[in-house]
C-alpha atoms as a PDB file:
ATOM      1  CA  MET A   1      -6.117  -9.262 -19.555  1.00  0.00           C
ATOM      2  CA  LYS A   2      -3.753  -9.051 -16.944  1.00  0.00           C
ATOM      3  CA  LYS A   3      -5.624  -6.683 -14.882  1.00  0.00           C
ATOM      4  CA  GLU A   4      -8.800  -8.538 -14.844  1.00  0.00           C
ATOM      5  CA  PHE A   5      -6.947 -11.666 -13.552  1.00  0.00           C
ATOM      6  CA  ILE A   6      -5.561  -9.709 -10.738  1.00  0.00           C
ATOM      7  CA  PHE A   7      -8.936  -8.230 -10.275  1.00  0.00           C
ATOM      8  CA  SER A   8     -10.627 -11.865  -9.979  1.00  0.00           C
ATOM      9  CA  LEU A   9      -8.040 -13.283  -7.903  1.00  0.00           C
ATOM     10  CA  SER A  10      -8.138 -10.408  -5.172  1.00  0.00           C
ATOM     11  CA  LEU A  11     -12.250 -10.976  -4.980  1.00  0.00           C
ATOM     12  CA  LEU A  12     -11.618 -14.603  -4.560  1.00  0.00           C
ATOM     13  CA  LEU A  13      -8.919 -14.120  -1.650  1.00  0.00           C
ATOM     14  CA  SER A  14     -11.179 -11.518   0.013  1.00  0.00           C
ATOM     15  CA  GLY A  15     -14.398 -13.902  -0.338  1.00  0.00           C
ATOM     16  CA  CYS A  16     -12.127 -16.601   1.133  1.00  0.00           C
ATOM     17  CA  ASN A  17     -11.450 -14.705   4.162  1.00  0.00           C
ATOM     18  CA  SER A  18     -14.607 -13.336   4.963  1.00  0.00           C
ATOM     19  CA  SER A  19     -16.338 -16.854   4.676  1.00  0.00           C
ATOM     20  CA  ILE A  20     -15.080 -18.352   7.861  1.00  0.00           C
ATOM     21  CA  SER A  21     -17.720 -18.664  10.285  1.00  0.00           C
ATOM     22  CA  THR A  22     -17.294 -17.971  14.081  1.00  0.00           C
ATOM     23  CA  GLU A  23     -17.655 -21.524  14.582  1.00  0.00           C
ATOM     24  CA  ASP A  24     -15.189 -22.403  12.154  1.00  0.00           C
ATOM     25  CA  LYS A  25     -12.726 -19.931  13.579  1.00  0.00           C
ATOM     26  CA  GLY A  26     -13.478 -21.615  17.031  1.00  0.00           C
ATOM     27  CA  GLU A  27     -12.713 -25.102  15.854  1.00  0.00           C
ATOM     28  CA  ILE A  28      -9.349 -23.767  13.958  1.00  0.00           C
ATOM     29  CA  TYR A  29      -8.171 -22.130  17.072  1.00  0.00           C
ATOM     30  CA  GLN A  30      -9.014 -25.020  19.197  1.00  0.00           C
ATOM     31  CA  LYS A  31      -7.245 -27.250  16.648  1.00  0.00           C
ATOM     32  CA  LYS A  32      -4.367 -25.035  17.050  1.00  0.00           C
ATOM     33  CA  TRP A  33      -4.687 -24.820  21.193  1.00  0.00           C
ATOM     34  CA  LEU A  34      -4.623 -28.668  21.316  1.00  0.00           C
ATOM     35  CA  ASP A  35      -1.665 -28.836  19.284  1.00  0.00           C
ATOM     36  CA  LYS A  36       0.293 -26.835  21.653  1.00  0.00           C
ATOM     37  CA  ASN A  37      -0.758 -29.131  24.251  1.00  0.00           C
ATOM     38  CA  ILE A  38      -0.365 -26.699  26.991  1.00  0.00           C
ATOM     39  CA  GLN A  39      -2.011 -28.439  30.014  1.00  0.00           C
ATOM     40  CA  SER A  40      -0.603 -26.122  33.167  1.00  0.00           C
ATOM     41  CA  TYR A  41      -1.238 -22.517  32.975  1.00  0.00           C
ATOM     42  CA  SER A  42      -2.833 -19.682  35.009  1.00  0.00           C
ATOM     43  CA  PHE A  43      -5.193 -16.718  33.439  1.00  0.00           C
ATOM     44  CA  ASN A  44      -7.718 -13.917  34.790  1.00  0.00           C
ATOM     45  CA  TYR A  45     -11.227 -14.624  34.005  1.00  0.00           C
ATOM     46  CA  LYS A  46     -13.982 -12.426  33.986  1.00  0.00           C
ATOM     47  CA  GLU A  47     -17.708 -13.337  32.834  1.00  0.00           C
ATOM     48  CA  THR A  48     -19.707 -10.605  31.020  1.00  0.00           C
ATOM     49  CA  GLY A  49     -23.449 -10.384  30.421  1.00  0.00           C
ATOM     50  CA  PHE A  50     -26.571 -11.316  32.235  1.00  0.00           C
ATOM     51  CA  THR A  51     -25.191 -13.790  35.255  1.00  0.00           C
ATOM     52  CA  PRO A  52     -24.573 -13.670  39.146  1.00  0.00           C
ATOM     53  CA  ILE A  53     -20.772 -13.426  38.392  1.00  0.00           C
ATOM     54  CA  ALA A  54     -20.705 -10.531  35.703  1.00  0.00           C
ATOM     55  CA  GLY A  55     -17.869  -8.386  36.290  1.00  0.00           C
ATOM     56  CA  ASP A  56     -16.171 -10.428  39.030  1.00  0.00           C
ATOM     57  CA  LYS A  57     -12.582 -10.681  38.115  1.00  0.00           C
ATOM     58  CA  TRP A  58     -10.749 -13.997  39.205  1.00  0.00           C
ATOM     59  CA  GLU A  59      -7.370 -15.805  38.841  1.00  0.00           C
ATOM     60  CA  ILE A  60      -7.784 -19.705  37.666  1.00  0.00           C
ATOM     61  CA  GLN A  61      -4.380 -21.972  37.905  1.00  0.00           C
ATOM     62  CA  VAL A  62      -4.808 -25.161  35.997  1.00  0.00           C
ATOM     63  CA  ALA A  63      -2.462 -27.991  35.876  1.00  0.00           C
ATOM     64  CA  ASP A  64      -2.651 -31.215  34.138  1.00  0.00           C
ATOM     65  CA  GLY A  65      -5.811 -29.949  32.448  1.00  0.00           C
ATOM     66  CA  LYS A  66      -7.742 -29.515  35.664  1.00  0.00           C
ATOM     67  CA  VAL A  67      -8.347 -26.286  37.740  1.00  0.00           C
ATOM     68  CA  ILE A  68      -6.483 -26.718  40.917  1.00  0.00           C
ATOM     69  CA  TYR A  69      -6.701 -22.941  42.089  1.00  0.00           C
ATOM     70  CA  VAL A  70      -9.184 -20.211  41.923  1.00  0.00           C
ATOM     71  CA  ASN A  71      -8.540 -16.848  43.577  1.00  0.00           C
ATOM     72  CA  TYR A  72     -11.053 -13.776  43.600  1.00  0.00           C
ATOM     73  CA  VAL A  73      -8.888 -10.361  42.327  1.00  0.00           C
ATOM     74  CA  GLY A  74     -11.947  -8.340  41.753  1.00  0.00           C
ATOM     75  CA  SER A  75     -13.143  -5.588  44.002  1.00  0.00           C
ATOM     76  CA  GLY A  76     -16.342  -5.831  46.025  1.00  0.00           C
ATOM     77  CA  ASN A  77     -17.888  -8.922  47.037  1.00  0.00           C
ATOM     78  CA  PRO A  78     -17.638 -12.015  45.152  1.00  0.00           C
ATOM     79  CA  ASP A  79     -20.277 -14.547  43.949  1.00  0.00           C
ATOM     80  CA  PRO A  80     -19.324 -17.618  45.700  1.00  0.00           C
ATOM     81  CA  SER A  81     -20.725 -19.752  43.014  1.00  0.00           C
ATOM     82  CA  LEU A  82     -17.004 -19.656  41.125  1.00  0.00           C
ATOM     83  CA  ASN A  83     -14.627 -22.351  43.160  1.00  0.00           C
ATOM     84  CA  GLN A  84     -12.129 -25.029  41.790  1.00  0.00           C
ATOM     85  CA  ASP A  85     -15.043 -27.238  41.186  1.00  0.00           C
ATOM     86  CA  SER A  86     -17.101 -25.021  38.901  1.00  0.00           C
ATOM     87  CA  ALA A  87     -14.138 -22.682  37.253  1.00  0.00           C
ATOM     88  CA  PRO A  88     -13.702 -23.209  33.715  1.00  0.00           C
ATOM     89  CA  THR A  89     -10.746 -24.221  31.670  1.00  0.00           C
ATOM     90  CA  ILE A  90      -9.534 -23.101  28.466  1.00  0.00           C
ATOM     91  CA  ASP A  91     -10.892 -26.279  26.726  1.00  0.00           C
ATOM     92  CA  LEU A  92     -14.211 -25.547  28.589  1.00  0.00           C
ATOM     93  CA  LEU A  93     -14.193 -21.847  27.206  1.00  0.00           C
ATOM     94  CA  PHE A  94     -13.574 -23.249  23.813  1.00  0.00           C
ATOM     95  CA  LYS A  95     -16.865 -25.901  24.009  1.00  0.00           C
ATOM     96  CA  ARG A  96     -18.871 -23.002  25.171  1.00  0.00           C
ATOM     97  CA  ILE A  97     -18.047 -21.069  22.082  1.00  0.00           C
ATOM     98  CA  ILE A  98     -18.534 -23.937  20.002  1.00  0.00           C
ATOM     99  CA  ASP A  99     -21.459 -25.193  21.568  1.00  0.00           C
ATOM    100  CA  CYS A 100     -23.342 -21.711  21.123  1.00  0.00           C
ATOM    101  CA  GLU A 101     -23.402 -22.260  17.292  1.00  0.00           C
ATOM    102  CA  ASP A 102     -25.058 -25.571  17.654  1.00  0.00           C
ATOM    103  CA  LYS A 103     -27.958 -23.619  19.313  1.00  0.00           C
ATOM    104  CA  SER A 104     -30.644 -22.065  17.036  1.00  0.00           C
ATOM    105  CA  SER A 105     -31.235 -19.364  19.972  1.00  0.00           C
ATOM    106  CA  CYS A 106     -27.465 -18.343  20.434  1.00  0.00           C
ATOM    107  CA  LYS A 107     -25.503 -16.273  17.829  1.00  0.00           C
ATOM    108  CA  VAL A 108     -21.839 -15.713  18.551  1.00  0.00           C
ATOM    109  CA  THR A 109     -21.478 -11.784  18.255  1.00  0.00           C
ATOM    110  CA  LEU A 110     -17.981 -11.492  19.349  1.00  0.00           C
ATOM    111  CA  VAL A 111     -15.089 -13.686  19.704  1.00  0.00           C
ATOM    112  CA  GLU A 112     -11.189 -12.890  19.741  1.00  0.00           C
ATOM    113  CA  PHE A 113      -8.330 -15.187  19.905  1.00  0.00           C
ATOM    114  CA  ASP A 114      -4.796 -15.120  21.133  1.00  0.00           C
ATOM    115  CA  GLN A 115      -2.259 -15.173  18.467  1.00  0.00           C
ATOM    116  CA  ILE A 116       0.336 -16.664  20.165  1.00  0.00           C
ATOM    117  CA  ASN A 117      -1.317 -19.639  22.162  1.00  0.00           C
ATOM    118  CA  PHE A 118      -4.227 -19.380  20.352  1.00  0.00           C
ATOM    119  CA  HIS A 119      -7.023 -19.597  23.541  1.00  0.00           C
ATOM    120  CA  PRO A 120      -9.991 -17.542  23.548  1.00  0.00           C
ATOM    121  CA  VAL A 121      -9.532 -13.722  24.862  1.00  0.00           C
ATOM    122  CA  GLN A 122     -12.901 -12.344  24.493  1.00  0.00           C
ATOM    123  CA  TYR A 123     -16.249 -13.860  24.097  1.00  0.00           C
ATOM    124  CA  HIS A 124     -20.245 -12.730  23.652  1.00  0.00           C
ATOM    125  CA  ALA A 125     -23.156 -14.496  22.588  1.00  0.00           C
ATOM    126  CA  SER A 126     -26.708 -13.132  22.386  1.00  0.00           C
ATOM    127  CA  TYR A 127     -29.687 -14.855  23.254  1.00  0.00           C
ATOM    128  CA  GLY A 128     -32.482 -12.426  21.847  1.00  0.00           C
ATOM    129  CA  VAL A 129     -32.084  -9.700  24.226  1.00  0.00           C
ATOM    130  CA  GLU A 130     -29.858 -11.114  26.816  1.00  0.00           C
ATOM    131  CA  GLY A 131     -26.249 -11.761  26.466  1.00  0.00           C
ATOM    132  CA  GLU A 132     -23.585 -13.559  27.988  1.00  0.00           C
ATOM    133  CA  GLY A 133     -19.950 -13.723  27.592  1.00  0.00           C
ATOM    134  CA  PHE A 134     -16.289 -13.967  29.153  1.00  0.00           C
ATOM    135  CA  GLN A 135     -12.887 -11.991  28.952  1.00  0.00           C
ATOM    136  CA  VAL A 136      -9.566 -13.864  29.571  1.00  0.00           C
ATOM    137  CA  SER A 137      -6.318 -11.899  30.449  1.00  0.00           C
ATOM    138  CA  HIS A 138      -2.725 -12.512  31.928  1.00  0.00           C
ATOM    139  CA  PHE A 139      -2.570 -15.991  30.452  1.00  0.00           C
ATOM    140  CA  ILE A 140       0.798 -17.443  31.588  1.00  0.00           C
ATOM    141  CA  VAL A 141       2.103 -21.006  30.660  1.00  0.00           C
ATOM    142  CA  GLN A 142       3.349 -22.562  33.698  1.00  0.00           C
END
């Protein structure tokens, strides 16, 4: 009897962990991020997938929730399309992750979150044969 109870409990617990969808993870981590109320920070940002700025690495600084500085820190000639007006904040990266799940043509194939500040670290989505995503590194609270 005791062995059956422990086995049943372990099945129940393992099932609970695997049933969290990517969208739910995004929303859970977004709430944790918002609860920390981090408004000023910097991070390195790199687009991945099929986009003109794929592979380019940028330093982005955010103050009071708005991008105030964008600097190319990669090698080579950057695509000039990423600037202070078009660079993402962490809030916009969360929106990108969560919005993907709302589209039938988009499937999140990889998403990782920082376990201290709860921001996205890595994300990749698939649109059939094409994909897009990003990487966040060197995150610093200002």
